[in-house]
């Protein structure tokens, strides 16, 4: 027969979850958080244009090889 979890188990798991959350928040507000945020914004803007840029570069390369 399986015993139900005790109140201590719930408190312990809540404490572990809170500890993990606090560690993540502390790391997010570290010395490099502004740099990390700027890089994430630049990545978000660039990722949508990478496919377009690759297509244009390929088309220009094919055109140069074909007509040169």
N, C-alpha and C. Protein backbone atom coordinates (compact mmCIF):
# COMPACT_ATOMS: atom_id res chain seq x y z
N UNK A 1 0.84 -1.17 0.00
CA UNK A 1 0.00 0.00 0.00
C UNK A 1 0.89 1.24 0.00
N UNK A 2 0.58 2.20 -0.86
CA UNK A 2 1.39 3.40 -1.00
C UNK A 2 0.87 4.47 -0.05
N UNK A 3 1.79 5.05 0.69
CA UNK A 3 1.39 6.11 1.62
C UNK A 3 1.30 7.43 0.87
N UNK A 4 0.35 8.27 1.24
CA UNK A 4 0.26 9.58 0.60
C UNK A 4 1.47 10.43 0.99
N UNK A 5 1.86 11.35 0.14
CA UNK A 5 3.01 12.19 0.48
C UNK A 5 2.72 13.05 1.70
N UNK A 6 3.72 13.25 2.50
CA UNK A 6 3.53 14.05 3.70
C UNK A 6 3.60 15.53 3.36
N UNK A 7 3.17 16.35 4.31
CA UNK A 7 3.23 17.80 4.12
C UNK A 7 4.67 18.26 3.94
N UNK A 8 5.60 17.56 4.57
CA UNK A 8 7.02 17.92 4.44
C UNK A 8 7.48 17.77 3.00
N UNK A 9 6.99 16.75 2.30
CA UNK A 9 7.38 16.54 0.90
C UNK A 9 6.92 17.71 0.03
N UNK A 10 5.70 18.20 0.29
CA UNK A 10 5.20 19.33 -0.48
C UNK A 10 6.03 20.59 -0.20
N UNK A 11 6.35 20.80 1.05
CA UNK A 11 7.15 21.97 1.42
C UNK A 11 8.53 21.88 0.78
N UNK A 12 9.11 20.70 0.80
CA UNK A 12 10.44 20.51 0.23
C UNK A 12 10.43 20.77 -1.28
N UNK A 13 9.42 20.25 -1.98
CA UNK A 13 9.37 20.47 -3.43
C UNK A 13 9.11 21.93 -3.75
N UNK A 14 8.28 22.61 -2.95
CA UNK A 14 8.06 24.04 -3.14
C UNK A 14 9.34 24.82 -2.90
N UNK A 15 10.08 24.43 -1.88
CA UNK A 15 11.34 25.10 -1.58
C UNK A 15 12.33 24.91 -2.73
N UNK A 16 12.39 23.71 -3.27
CA UNK A 16 13.29 23.44 -4.39
C UNK A 16 12.91 24.26 -5.62
N UNK A 17 11.60 24.35 -5.89
CA UNK A 17 11.13 25.13 -7.04
C UNK A 17 11.45 26.61 -6.85
N UNK A 18 11.24 27.12 -5.63
CA UNK A 18 11.55 28.52 -5.35
C UNK A 18 13.04 28.78 -5.47
N UNK A 19 13.85 27.87 -4.98
CA UNK A 19 15.30 28.01 -5.07
C UNK A 19 15.75 28.05 -6.53
N UNK A 20 15.20 27.18 -7.34
CA UNK A 20 15.54 27.16 -8.77
C UNK A 20 15.13 28.47 -9.44
N UNK A 21 13.94 28.95 -9.12
CA UNK A 21 13.44 30.20 -9.70
C UNK A 21 14.33 31.38 -9.29
N UNK A 22 14.72 31.43 -8.04
CA UNK A 22 15.56 32.52 -7.56
C UNK A 22 16.93 32.49 -8.23
N UNK A 23 17.47 31.30 -8.46
CA UNK A 23 18.76 31.18 -9.14
C UNK A 23 18.65 31.68 -10.58
N UNK A 24 17.54 31.35 -11.26
CA UNK A 24 17.35 31.81 -12.64
C UNK A 24 17.20 33.33 -12.69
N UNK A 25 16.46 33.89 -11.75
CA UNK A 25 16.28 35.35 -11.71
C UNK A 25 17.61 36.05 -11.44
N UNK A 26 18.38 35.49 -10.54
CA UNK A 26 19.68 36.07 -10.21
C UNK A 26 20.60 36.05 -11.42
N UNK A 27 20.60 34.96 -12.14
CA UNK A 27 21.44 34.86 -13.34
C UNK A 27 20.96 35.81 -14.43
N UNK A 28 19.65 36.00 -14.53
CA UNK A 28 19.10 36.87 -15.56
C UNK A 28 19.43 38.34 -15.31
N UNK A 29 19.65 38.71 -14.07
CA UNK A 29 19.94 40.10 -13.73
C UNK A 29 21.43 40.31 -13.49
N UNK A 30 22.24 39.47 -14.05
CA UNK A 30 23.67 39.55 -13.85
C UNK A 30 24.31 40.71 -14.60
N UNK A 31 25.60 40.71 -14.62
CA UNK A 31 26.41 41.77 -15.20
C UNK A 31 26.17 41.94 -16.69
N UNK A 32 25.91 40.86 -17.39
CA UNK A 32 25.79 40.89 -18.84
C UNK A 32 24.35 40.87 -19.33
N UNK A 33 23.38 41.15 -18.47
CA UNK A 33 21.98 41.03 -18.88
C UNK A 33 21.61 42.01 -19.99
N UNK A 34 22.15 43.23 -19.96
CA UNK A 34 21.85 44.21 -21.01
C UNK A 34 22.43 43.76 -22.35
N UNK A 35 23.63 43.23 -22.32
CA UNK A 35 24.26 42.74 -23.56
C UNK A 35 23.47 41.57 -24.11
N UNK A 36 23.09 40.64 -23.22
CA UNK A 36 22.31 39.48 -23.64
C UNK A 36 20.97 39.91 -24.24
N UNK A 37 20.33 40.91 -23.64
CA UNK A 37 19.06 41.40 -24.17
C UNK A 37 19.23 42.03 -25.55
N UNK A 38 20.30 42.79 -25.73
CA UNK A 38 20.56 43.40 -27.03
C UNK A 38 20.83 42.36 -28.10
N UNK A 39 21.60 41.34 -27.74
CA UNK A 39 21.88 40.27 -28.71
C UNK A 39 20.61 39.50 -29.07
N UNK A 40 19.74 39.29 -28.09
CA UNK A 40 18.48 38.59 -28.38
C UNK A 40 17.61 39.42 -29.32
N UNK A 41 17.59 40.74 -29.13
CA UNK A 41 16.82 41.59 -30.04
C UNK A 41 17.40 41.57 -31.45
N UNK A 42 18.72 41.65 -31.55
CA UNK A 42 19.37 41.61 -32.86
C UNK A 42 19.10 40.27 -33.55
N UNK A 43 19.15 39.19 -32.80
CA UNK A 43 18.88 37.87 -33.36
C UNK A 43 17.44 37.78 -33.85
N UNK A 44 16.51 38.31 -33.07
CA UNK A 44 15.09 38.26 -33.46
C UNK A 44 14.85 39.05 -34.75
N UNK A 45 15.55 40.18 -34.91
CA UNK A 45 15.38 40.96 -36.13
C UNK A 45 16.04 40.29 -37.32
N UNK A 46 17.21 39.69 -37.12
CA UNK A 46 17.97 39.11 -38.22
C UNK A 46 17.42 37.78 -38.70
N UNK A 47 16.85 37.00 -37.81
CA UNK A 47 16.44 35.63 -38.17
C UNK A 47 15.40 35.63 -39.29
N UNK A 48 14.55 36.64 -39.33
CA UNK A 48 13.53 36.70 -40.37
C UNK A 48 14.10 37.08 -41.73
N UNK A 49 15.28 37.65 -41.72
CA UNK A 49 15.87 38.12 -42.97
C UNK A 49 16.96 37.20 -43.51
N UNK A 50 17.34 36.21 -42.75
CA UNK A 50 18.42 35.32 -43.17
C UNK A 50 18.04 34.54 -44.42
N UNK A 51 16.83 34.02 -44.46
CA UNK A 51 16.39 33.24 -45.62
C UNK A 51 16.32 34.13 -46.86
N UNK A 52 15.80 35.33 -46.69
CA UNK A 52 15.72 36.27 -47.81
C UNK A 52 17.11 36.62 -48.32
N UNK A 53 18.02 36.90 -47.41
CA UNK A 53 19.39 37.24 -47.79
C UNK A 53 20.06 36.07 -48.50
N UNK A 54 19.85 34.86 -48.02
CA UNK A 54 20.44 33.67 -48.67
C UNK A 54 19.87 33.49 -50.07
N UNK A 55 18.57 33.71 -50.24
CA UNK A 55 17.94 33.59 -51.55
C UNK A 55 18.51 34.62 -52.52
N UNK A 56 18.63 35.86 -52.07
CA UNK A 56 19.16 36.91 -52.95
C UNK A 56 20.61 36.63 -53.31
N UNK A 57 21.40 36.20 -52.35
CA UNK A 57 22.81 35.89 -52.62
C UNK A 57 22.93 34.75 -53.63
N UNK A 58 22.08 33.73 -53.49
CA UNK A 58 22.10 32.61 -54.43
C UNK A 58 21.67 33.07 -55.83
N UNK A 59 20.63 33.89 -55.90
CA UNK A 59 20.15 34.38 -57.19
C UNK A 59 21.21 35.24 -57.88
N UNK A 60 21.87 36.10 -57.13
CA UNK A 60 22.92 36.95 -57.70
C UNK A 60 24.09 36.10 -58.17
N UNK A 61 24.47 35.11 -57.39
CA UNK A 61 25.58 34.23 -57.77
C UNK A 61 25.25 33.48 -59.05
N UNK A 62 24.04 32.93 -59.14
CA UNK A 62 23.63 32.22 -60.35
C UNK A 62 23.61 33.16 -61.55
N UNK A 63 23.11 34.38 -61.35
CA UNK A 63 23.07 35.35 -62.44
C UNK A 63 24.47 35.72 -62.91
N UNK A 64 25.39 35.90 -61.97
CA UNK A 64 26.76 36.25 -62.35
C UNK A 64 27.45 35.11 -63.09
N UNK A 65 27.22 33.89 -62.64
CA UNK A 65 27.84 32.73 -63.29
C UNK A 65 27.22 32.51 -64.67
N UNK A 66 25.93 32.69 -64.80
CA UNK A 66 25.24 32.45 -66.06
C UNK A 66 25.58 33.51 -67.10
N UNK A 67 25.57 34.77 -66.72
CA UNK A 67 25.74 35.86 -67.68
C UNK A 67 27.17 36.39 -67.76
N UNK A 68 28.07 35.83 -67.01
CA UNK A 68 29.45 36.34 -67.06
C UNK A 68 30.30 35.57 -68.04
